[in-house]
Every structure is written in C-alpha cells, then in structure tokens.
C-alpha atoms as a PDB file:
ATOM      1  CA  MET A   1       2.435 -15.878  -9.657  1.00  0.00           C
ATOM      2  CA  SER A   2       1.167 -12.811  -8.683  1.00  0.00           C
ATOM      3  CA  LYS A   3      -1.400 -12.316  -5.998  1.00  0.00           C
ATOM      4  CA  LEU A   4      -5.957 -11.892  -7.692  1.00  0.00           C
ATOM      5  CA  LYS A   5      -7.422  -8.499  -7.531  1.00  0.00           C
ATOM      6  CA  THR A   6     -10.477  -7.647  -6.119  1.00  0.00           C
ATOM      7  CA  HIS A   7     -13.207  -6.292  -8.147  1.00  0.00           C
ATOM      8  CA  ARG A   8     -13.603  -3.029  -6.526  1.00  0.00           C
ATOM      9  CA  GLY A   9     -17.026  -2.233  -8.155  1.00  0.00           C
ATOM     10  CA  ALA A  10     -18.296  -5.311  -6.543  1.00  0.00           C
ATOM     11  CA  SER A  11     -16.357  -4.736  -3.242  1.00  0.00           C
ATOM     12  CA  LYS A  12     -17.865  -0.987  -2.818  1.00  0.00           C
ATOM     13  CA  ARG A  13     -21.411  -3.057  -2.865  1.00  0.00           C
ATOM     14  CA  PHE A  14     -21.597  -5.752  -0.757  1.00  0.00           C
ATOM     15  CA  LYS A  15     -20.408  -6.757   2.593  1.00  0.00           C
ATOM     16  CA  LYS A  16     -19.647 -10.286   3.775  1.00  0.00           C
ATOM     17  CA  THR A  17     -21.295 -10.928   6.793  1.00  0.00           C
ATOM     18  CA  GLY A  18     -22.065 -14.268   8.673  1.00  0.00           C
ATOM     19  CA  SER A  19     -24.980 -15.486   6.706  1.00  0.00           C
ATOM     20  CA  GLY A  20     -23.664 -14.764   2.864  1.00  0.00           C
ATOM     21  CA  TYR A  21     -23.279 -11.318   1.366  1.00  0.00           C
ATOM     22  CA  LYS A  22     -24.822  -7.939   1.983  1.00  0.00           C
ATOM     23  CA  ARG A  23     -26.690  -5.700  -1.016  1.00  0.00           C
ATOM     24  CA  LYS A  24     -28.431  -2.686  -1.006  1.00  0.00           C
ATOM     25  CA  SER A  25     -31.553  -1.656  -2.217  1.00  0.00           C
ATOM     26  CA  ALA A  26     -31.621  -0.768  -6.539  1.00  0.00           C
ATOM     27  CA  TYR A  27     -33.155   1.988  -7.435  1.00  0.00           C
ATOM     28  CA  LYS A  28     -32.343   4.650  -4.824  1.00  0.00           C
ATOM     29  CA  SER A  29     -29.400   7.087  -6.452  1.00  0.00           C
ATOM     30  CA  HIS A  30     -31.085   9.769  -8.423  1.00  0.00           C
ATOM     31  CA  ILE A  31     -34.668  10.890 -10.446  1.00  0.00           C
ATOM     32  CA  LEU A  32     -36.137  10.114  -6.654  1.00  0.00           C
ATOM     33  CA  THR A  33     -38.356  13.106  -6.929  1.00  0.00           C
ATOM     34  CA  LYS A  34     -41.194  10.820  -8.598  1.00  0.00           C
ATOM     35  CA  MET A  35     -41.423   8.033  -6.934  1.00  0.00           C
ATOM     36  CA  THR A  36     -43.719   8.174  -3.921  1.00  0.00           C
ATOM     37  CA  THR A  37     -42.823   8.037  -0.343  1.00  0.00           C
ATOM     38  CA  LYS A  38     -43.440   4.576   0.549  1.00  0.00           C
ATOM     39  CA  ARG A  39     -41.934   3.249  -2.315  1.00  0.00           C
ATOM     40  CA  LYS A  40     -38.972   4.911  -1.142  1.00  0.00           C
ATOM     41  CA  ARG A  41     -39.445   3.723   2.237  1.00  0.00           C
ATOM     42  CA  GLN A  42     -39.480   0.185   0.956  1.00  0.00           C
ATOM     43  CA  LEU A  43     -35.876   0.177  -0.060  1.00  0.00           C
ATOM     44  CA  ARG A  44     -34.841   1.210   2.572  1.00  0.00           C
ATOM     45  CA  GLY A  45     -32.296  -1.004   3.984  1.00  0.00           C
ATOM     46  CA  THR A  46     -30.867  -4.246   3.242  1.00  0.00           C
ATOM     47  CA  SER A  47     -31.482  -7.849   2.311  1.00  0.00           C
ATOM     48  CA  LEU A  48     -29.155 -10.729   1.318  1.00  0.00           C
ATOM     49  CA  VAL A  49     -27.502 -11.316  -2.092  1.00  0.00           C
ATOM     50  CA  HIS A  50     -29.925 -14.378  -3.431  1.00  0.00           C
ATOM     51  CA  PRO A  51     -28.087 -17.826  -2.789  1.00  0.00           C
ATOM     52  CA  SER A  52     -27.760 -18.310  -6.525  1.00  0.00           C
ATOM     53  CA  ASP A  53     -26.193 -15.084  -7.487  1.00  0.00           C
ATOM     54  CA  VAL A  54     -23.183 -16.099  -4.034  1.00  0.00           C
ATOM     55  CA  PRO A  55     -21.154 -17.785  -6.127  1.00  0.00           C
ATOM     56  CA  ALA A  56     -19.956 -15.251  -8.446  1.00  0.00           C
ATOM     57  CA  VAL A  57     -19.919 -12.444  -5.553  1.00  0.00           C
ATOM     58  CA  LYS A  58     -17.706 -14.713  -3.712  1.00  0.00           C
ATOM     59  CA  ARG A  59     -15.606 -15.093  -7.074  1.00  0.00           C
ATOM     60  CA  MET A  60     -15.637 -10.702  -7.328  1.00  0.00           C
ATOM     61  CA  LEU A  61     -14.637 -10.297  -3.730  1.00  0.00           C
ATOM     62  CA  ARG A  62     -11.690 -13.290  -3.836  1.00  0.00           C
ATOM     63  CA  ASP A  63     -13.270 -13.371   0.023  1.00  0.00           C
ATOM     64  CA  ALA A  64     -11.658  -9.979   0.815  1.00  0.00           C
END
C-alpha cells in the first residue's frame, strides 16, 4: 500500500507544537487599510487550534 499524503493546504497553515497545533489569526492577509490599528495589532501572533478541531487537523497532517 502506498504512503498517505499530507494535505498541502493544511501543512502550510498549521504547525505541530508540544501542546497542540499552532495557527495564525484570520482576517490579516489583505485589505487592511480600512481596519483599525488596534484590530490589526490584536490579530498579530498565533494561537492554538480549538480542541474540537484537533482531530480534523491531525487527520489532514497525518502527524507529519
């Protein structure tokens, strides 16, 4: 049987850490001119994937 492939989109969005999976905040890619500085500042950095979404992310990454 062939090897299972990693979901390429998920591999670019999530990173495995010791405590779970790291993800970037949404709404921080383009059309930022209308957004307030406070909002952009609060969207900086990363957070962990919600526990209910972890099985789906784990399946997409195949624990790579």
